[in-house]
Amino acid sequence: MFTYKGSFDDIFGNVNAAHKLTYLKDEKFHVYSMEVPYFEKEDLTVTFKNGRIYVDGEKEVYGSHFDFTTNFLVHESYTEEDIIVEYKAGVLFFKFPKELKSKSKTKLKIS
């Protein structure tokens, strides 16, 4: 594993990744892609826990066993409901809205 820090520091604090993330331009989302060659959608597990995205994969290809585990620290302003994960042709896409829905604020009574 190595630490990769780049243009996505605004969303990811520390990134410990076995796979490089690439930033893609989009008007509504911060989009990051991660290549996962040999893996199909059903070979991958993506979870969000304690402010981190965890990606796990395992597959057997032509007698060779491939597996990996990686995780990303997500900026604290994002919740599980904000994050969209898509898989297309050996690539995982992580989408984070540029504009977050405003969190409701509760006015407290002063006594």
N, C-alpha and C. Protein backbone atom coordinates (compact mmCIF):
# COMPACT_ATOMS: atom_id res chain seq x y z
N MET A 1 0.83 -1.19 0.00
CA MET A 1 0.00 0.00 0.00
C MET A 1 0.87 1.24 0.00
N PHE A 2 0.34 2.29 -0.62
CA PHE A 2 1.04 3.56 -0.60
C PHE A 2 0.05 4.68 -0.35
N THR A 3 0.54 5.83 0.03
CA THR A 3 -0.33 6.97 0.27
C THR A 3 -0.30 7.84 -0.97
N TYR A 4 -1.46 8.14 -1.50
CA TYR A 4 -1.58 8.98 -2.68
C TYR A 4 -2.40 10.20 -2.33
N LYS A 5 -1.82 11.37 -2.47
CA LYS A 5 -2.54 12.60 -2.19
C LYS A 5 -2.42 13.48 -3.43
N GLY A 6 -3.52 14.00 -3.87
CA GLY A 6 -3.47 14.83 -5.06
C GLY A 6 -4.58 15.83 -5.07
N SER A 7 -5.20 16.02 -6.21
CA SER A 7 -6.21 17.06 -6.39
C SER A 7 -7.50 16.76 -5.65
N PHE A 8 -7.63 15.61 -5.05
CA PHE A 8 -8.87 15.27 -4.38
C PHE A 8 -8.77 15.39 -2.86
N ASP A 9 -7.82 16.18 -2.36
CA ASP A 9 -7.70 16.39 -0.92
C ASP A 9 -8.94 17.05 -0.32
N ASP A 10 -9.71 17.76 -1.15
CA ASP A 10 -10.92 18.40 -0.63
C ASP A 10 -11.97 17.39 -0.19
N ILE A 11 -11.96 16.20 -0.78
CA ILE A 11 -12.95 15.18 -0.42
C ILE A 11 -12.31 14.10 0.45
N PHE A 12 -11.15 13.65 0.07
CA PHE A 12 -10.47 12.59 0.80
C PHE A 12 -9.36 13.19 1.62
N GLY A 13 -9.34 12.92 2.93
CA GLY A 13 -8.26 13.41 3.77
C GLY A 13 -7.00 12.62 3.48
N ASN A 14 -6.84 11.47 4.10
CA ASN A 14 -5.73 10.57 3.79
C ASN A 14 -6.27 9.48 2.89
N VAL A 15 -5.52 9.16 1.87
CA VAL A 15 -5.93 8.09 0.96
C VAL A 15 -4.87 7.01 1.01
N ASN A 16 -5.25 5.86 1.52
CA ASN A 16 -4.37 4.70 1.48
C ASN A 16 -4.98 3.75 0.46
N ALA A 17 -4.34 3.66 -0.69
CA ALA A 17 -4.96 2.92 -1.77
C ALA A 17 -3.97 2.03 -2.49
N ALA A 18 -4.39 0.82 -2.78
CA ALA A 18 -3.60 -0.05 -3.62
C ALA A 18 -3.86 0.29 -5.08
N HIS A 19 -4.91 1.02 -5.33
CA HIS A 19 -5.29 1.40 -6.68
C HIS A 19 -5.40 2.92 -6.76
N LYS A 20 -4.88 3.49 -7.82
CA LYS A 20 -4.87 4.94 -7.99
C LYS A 20 -6.27 5.45 -8.34
N LEU A 21 -6.65 6.56 -7.73
CA LEU A 21 -7.90 7.23 -8.05
C LEU A 21 -7.61 8.33 -9.07
N THR A 22 -8.52 8.49 -10.01
CA THR A 22 -8.40 9.53 -11.02
C THR A 22 -9.61 10.42 -10.93
N TYR A 23 -9.37 11.73 -10.92
CA TYR A 23 -10.48 12.70 -10.86
C TYR A 23 -11.02 12.94 -12.26
N LEU A 24 -12.34 12.91 -12.39
CA LEU A 24 -13.00 13.18 -13.68
C LEU A 24 -13.86 14.42 -13.55
N LYS A 25 -13.89 15.25 -14.56
CA LYS A 25 -14.67 16.49 -14.52
C LYS A 25 -16.15 16.21 -14.74
N ASP A 26 -16.97 16.86 -13.94
CA ASP A 26 -18.42 16.74 -14.05
C ASP A 26 -19.02 18.00 -13.44
N GLU A 27 -20.15 18.45 -13.97
CA GLU A 27 -20.75 19.69 -13.49
C GLU A 27 -21.39 19.56 -12.12
N LYS A 28 -22.02 18.43 -11.83
CA LYS A 28 -22.78 18.27 -10.60
C LYS A 28 -22.06 17.48 -9.51
N PHE A 29 -21.06 16.68 -9.90
CA PHE A 29 -20.41 15.78 -8.95
C PHE A 29 -18.89 15.89 -8.99
N HIS A 30 -18.27 15.58 -7.85
CA HIS A 30 -16.85 15.25 -7.82
C HIS A 30 -16.85 13.76 -8.15
N VAL A 31 -16.19 13.36 -9.24
CA VAL A 31 -16.20 11.96 -9.66
C VAL A 31 -14.76 11.44 -9.66
N TYR A 32 -14.57 10.30 -9.02
CA TYR A 32 -13.27 9.65 -8.97
C TYR A 32 -13.43 8.24 -9.50
N SER A 33 -12.47 7.82 -10.32
CA SER A 33 -12.52 6.46 -10.86
C SER A 33 -11.35 5.65 -10.31
N MET A 34 -11.58 4.35 -10.18
CA MET A 34 -10.54 3.42 -9.74
C MET A 34 -10.65 2.18 -10.60
N GLU A 35 -9.59 1.86 -11.33
CA GLU A 35 -9.59 0.67 -12.17
C GLU A 35 -9.51 -0.58 -11.30
N VAL A 36 -10.35 -1.56 -11.63
CA VAL A 36 -10.34 -2.84 -10.93
C VAL A 36 -10.34 -3.95 -11.98
N PRO A 37 -9.20 -4.11 -12.69
CA PRO A 37 -9.14 -5.10 -13.76
C PRO A 37 -9.38 -6.51 -13.24
N TYR A 38 -9.99 -7.32 -14.06
CA TYR A 38 -10.34 -8.72 -13.78
C TYR A 38 -11.58 -8.86 -12.90
N PHE A 39 -12.02 -7.79 -12.25
CA PHE A 39 -13.13 -7.88 -11.33
C PHE A 39 -14.44 -7.44 -12.00
N GLU A 40 -15.47 -8.20 -11.70
CA GLU A 40 -16.82 -7.85 -12.13
C GLU A 40 -17.54 -7.24 -10.93
N LYS A 41 -18.68 -6.64 -11.18
CA LYS A 41 -19.46 -5.99 -10.12
C LYS A 41 -19.72 -6.94 -8.95
N GLU A 42 -20.07 -8.18 -9.25
CA GLU A 42 -20.40 -9.14 -8.20
C GLU A 42 -19.18 -9.63 -7.42
N ASP A 43 -17.96 -9.35 -7.88
CA ASP A 43 -16.73 -9.71 -7.18
C ASP A 43 -16.32 -8.66 -6.15
N LEU A 44 -16.99 -7.52 -6.14
CA LEU A 44 -16.59 -6.38 -5.32
C LEU A 44 -17.58 -6.09 -4.21
N THR A 45 -17.06 -5.64 -3.09
CA THR A 45 -17.88 -5.18 -1.98
C THR A 45 -17.42 -3.77 -1.62
N VAL A 46 -18.37 -2.83 -1.60
CA VAL A 46 -18.05 -1.45 -1.22
C VAL A 46 -18.92 -1.09 -0.03
N THR A 47 -18.28 -0.67 1.06
CA THR A 47 -19.01 -0.30 2.26
C THR A 47 -18.56 1.08 2.74
N PHE A 48 -19.45 1.72 3.48
CA PHE A 48 -19.15 3.02 4.08
C PHE A 48 -19.31 2.88 5.58
N LYS A 49 -18.22 3.14 6.32
CA LYS A 49 -18.25 2.96 7.77
C LYS A 49 -17.28 3.94 8.41
N ASN A 50 -17.74 4.64 9.44
CA ASN A 50 -16.91 5.57 10.20
C ASN A 50 -16.19 6.58 9.32
N GLY A 51 -16.90 7.11 8.31
CA GLY A 51 -16.32 8.13 7.45
C GLY A 51 -15.33 7.63 6.41
N ARG A 52 -15.32 6.33 6.18
CA ARG A 52 -14.41 5.74 5.19
C ARG A 52 -15.19 4.87 4.21
N ILE A 53 -14.69 4.84 2.97
CA ILE A 53 -15.20 3.90 1.98
C ILE A 53 -14.21 2.75 1.91
N TYR A 54 -14.71 1.53 2.07
CA TYR A 54 -13.90 0.32 1.99
C TYR A 54 -14.26 -0.43 0.72
N VAL A 55 -13.24 -0.84 -0.05
CA VAL A 55 -13.45 -1.60 -1.27
C VAL A 55 -12.68 -2.91 -1.12
N ASP A 56 -13.39 -4.02 -1.28
CA ASP A 56 -12.79 -5.35 -1.21
C ASP A 56 -13.15 -6.12 -2.47
N GLY A 57 -12.20 -6.87 -2.97
CA GLY A 57 -12.46 -7.70 -4.15
C GLY A 57 -11.70 -8.99 -4.09
N GLU A 58 -12.31 -10.04 -4.67
CA GLU A 58 -11.68 -11.36 -4.70
C GLU A 58 -12.17 -12.10 -5.93
N LYS A 59 -11.21 -12.71 -6.68
CA LYS A 59 -11.60 -13.42 -7.90
C LYS A 59 -10.49 -14.38 -8.32
N GLU A 60 -10.90 -15.47 -8.94
CA GLU A 60 -10.00 -16.46 -9.50
C GLU A 60 -10.05 -16.30 -11.03
N VAL A 61 -8.88 -16.09 -11.67
CA VAL A 61 -8.82 -15.94 -13.12
C VAL A 61 -7.72 -16.85 -13.66
N TYR A 62 -8.08 -17.79 -14.52
CA TYR A 62 -7.13 -18.72 -15.12
C TYR A 62 -6.18 -19.33 -14.10
N GLY A 63 -6.72 -19.75 -12.98
CA GLY A 63 -5.92 -20.40 -11.95
C GLY A 63 -5.15 -19.47 -11.04
N SER A 64 -5.25 -18.16 -11.29
CA SER A 64 -4.58 -17.19 -10.42
C SER A 64 -5.61 -16.50 -9.54
N HIS A 65 -5.24 -16.32 -8.27
CA HIS A 65 -6.14 -15.70 -7.31
C HIS A 65 -5.81 -14.21 -7.19
N PHE A 66 -6.81 -13.36 -7.39
CA PHE A 66 -6.65 -11.92 -7.25
C PHE A 66 -7.53 -11.44 -6.10
N ASP A 67 -6.94 -10.65 -5.22
CA ASP A 67 -7.74 -10.02 -4.18
C ASP A 67 -7.10 -8.71 -3.77
N PHE A 68 -7.91 -7.80 -3.27
CA PHE A 68 -7.39 -6.54 -2.76
C PHE A 68 -8.36 -5.95 -1.75
N THR A 69 -7.82 -5.11 -0.91
CA THR A 69 -8.59 -4.36 0.06
C THR A 69 -8.00 -2.96 0.09
N THR A 70 -8.85 -1.97 0.03
CA THR A 70 -8.39 -0.59 0.12
C THR A 70 -9.47 0.24 0.80
N ASN A 71 -9.10 1.40 1.29
CA ASN A 71 -10.09 2.27 1.91
C ASN A 71 -9.69 3.72 1.74
N PHE A 72 -10.71 4.58 1.80
CA PHE A 72 -10.52 6.01 1.60
C PHE A 72 -11.23 6.77 2.70
N LEU A 73 -10.57 7.77 3.24
CA LEU A 73 -11.19 8.65 4.21
C LEU A 73 -11.97 9.70 3.44
N VAL A 74 -13.27 9.82 3.74
CA VAL A 74 -14.16 10.74 3.04
C VAL A 74 -14.34 12.00 3.88
N HIS A 75 -14.42 13.14 3.21
CA HIS A 75 -14.62 14.40 3.92
C HIS A 75 -15.85 14.29 4.81
N GLU A 76 -15.77 14.85 6.01
CA GLU A 76 -16.82 14.70 7.02
C GLU A 76 -18.18 15.24 6.62
N SER A 77 -18.26 16.10 5.62
CA SER A 77 -19.55 16.66 5.22
C SER A 77 -20.40 15.67 4.41
N TYR A 78 -19.82 14.57 3.97
CA TYR A 78 -20.56 13.58 3.19
C TYR A 78 -21.07 12.45 4.08
N THR A 79 -22.29 12.01 3.79
CA THR A 79 -22.87 10.87 4.49
C THR A 79 -23.09 9.75 3.48
N GLU A 80 -23.51 8.62 3.97
CA GLU A 80 -23.77 7.45 3.11
C GLU A 80 -24.78 7.78 2.02
N GLU A 81 -25.77 8.60 2.35
CA GLU A 81 -26.82 8.94 1.38
C GLU A 81 -26.31 9.83 0.25
N ASP A 82 -25.19 10.53 0.47
CA ASP A 82 -24.64 11.43 -0.54
C ASP A 82 -23.79 10.72 -1.58
N ILE A 83 -23.27 9.56 -1.26
CA ILE A 83 -22.26 8.89 -2.08
C ILE A 83 -22.92 7.94 -3.08
N ILE A 84 -22.52 8.05 -4.34
CA ILE A 84 -23.01 7.16 -5.39
C ILE A 84 -21.82 6.36 -5.90
N VAL A 85 -21.97 5.03 -5.97
CA VAL A 85 -20.92 4.16 -6.48
C VAL A 85 -21.47 3.44 -7.71
N GLU A 86 -20.71 3.50 -8.81
CA GLU A 86 -21.11 2.84 -10.05
C GLU A 86 -19.96 1.97 -10.55
N TYR A 87 -20.32 0.91 -11.25
CA TYR A 87 -19.33 0.02 -11.87
C TYR A 87 -19.60 -0.02 -13.36
N LYS A 88 -18.56 0.22 -14.17
CA LYS A 88 -18.69 0.13 -15.62
C LYS A 88 -17.38 -0.41 -16.19
N ALA A 89 -17.45 -1.55 -16.85
CA ALA A 89 -16.32 -2.11 -17.62
C ALA A 89 -14.99 -2.11 -16.87
N GLY A 90 -14.96 -2.67 -15.67
CA GLY A 90 -13.71 -2.78 -14.93
C GLY A 90 -13.27 -1.53 -14.19
N VAL A 91 -14.18 -0.57 -14.04
CA VAL A 91 -13.85 0.68 -13.34
C VAL A 91 -14.95 0.99 -12.33
N LEU A 92 -14.54 1.33 -11.10
CA LEU A 92 -15.47 1.82 -10.09
C LEU A 92 -15.47 3.34 -10.13
N PHE A 93 -16.65 3.93 -10.06
CA PHE A 93 -16.79 5.38 -10.04
C PHE A 93 -17.42 5.78 -8.71
N PHE A 94 -16.81 6.73 -8.03
CA PHE A 94 -17.32 7.27 -6.78
C PHE A 94 -17.76 8.70 -7.05
N LYS A 95 -19.05 8.99 -6.83
CA LYS A 95 -19.60 10.31 -7.13
C LYS A 95 -20.04 10.99 -5.83
N PHE A 96 -19.57 12.23 -5.66
CA PHE A 96 -19.90 13.04 -4.50
C PHE A 96 -20.52 14.34 -5.00
N PRO A 97 -21.72 14.69 -4.57
CA PRO A 97 -22.35 15.92 -5.06
C PRO A 97 -21.52 17.15 -4.68
N LYS A 98 -21.41 18.08 -5.64
CA LYS A 98 -20.70 19.33 -5.37
C LYS A 98 -21.51 20.20 -4.43
N GLU A 99 -22.83 20.14 -4.55
CA GLU A 99 -23.71 20.89 -3.66
C GLU A 99 -24.45 19.91 -2.77
N LEU A 100 -24.18 20.00 -1.49
CA LEU A 100 -24.85 19.12 -0.54
C LEU A 100 -26.17 19.73 -0.12
N LYS A 101 -27.14 18.85 0.12
CA LYS A 101 -28.42 19.33 0.67
C LYS A 101 -28.12 19.93 2.04
N SER A 102 -28.72 21.05 2.30
CA SER A 102 -28.43 21.69 3.59
C SER A 102 -28.99 20.83 4.71
N LYS A 103 -28.16 20.62 5.69
CA LYS A 103 -28.58 19.84 6.85
C LYS A 103 -29.49 20.72 7.70
N SER A 104 -30.57 20.14 8.14
CA SER A 104 -31.51 20.95 8.93
C SER A 104 -30.87 21.31 10.27
N LYS A 105 -31.07 22.54 10.65
CA LYS A 105 -30.54 23.02 11.92
C LYS A 105 -31.70 23.15 12.90
N THR A 106 -31.49 22.66 14.08
CA THR A 106 -32.51 22.76 15.11
C THR A 106 -32.16 23.91 16.02
N LYS A 107 -33.12 24.80 16.16
CA LYS A 107 -32.93 25.95 17.03
C LYS A 107 -33.15 25.50 18.47
N LEU A 108 -32.20 25.81 19.30
CA LEU A 108 -32.29 25.42 20.71
C LEU A 108 -32.87 26.58 21.52
N LYS A 109 -33.67 26.22 22.48
CA LYS A 109 -34.28 27.22 23.36
C LYS A 109 -33.27 27.61 24.43
N ILE A 110 -33.13 28.89 24.64
CA ILE A 110 -32.24 29.38 25.70
C ILE A 110 -33.07 29.56 26.95
N SER A 111 -32.63 28.92 28.04
CA SER A 111 -33.40 29.04 29.29
C SER A 111 -32.71 29.92 30.29
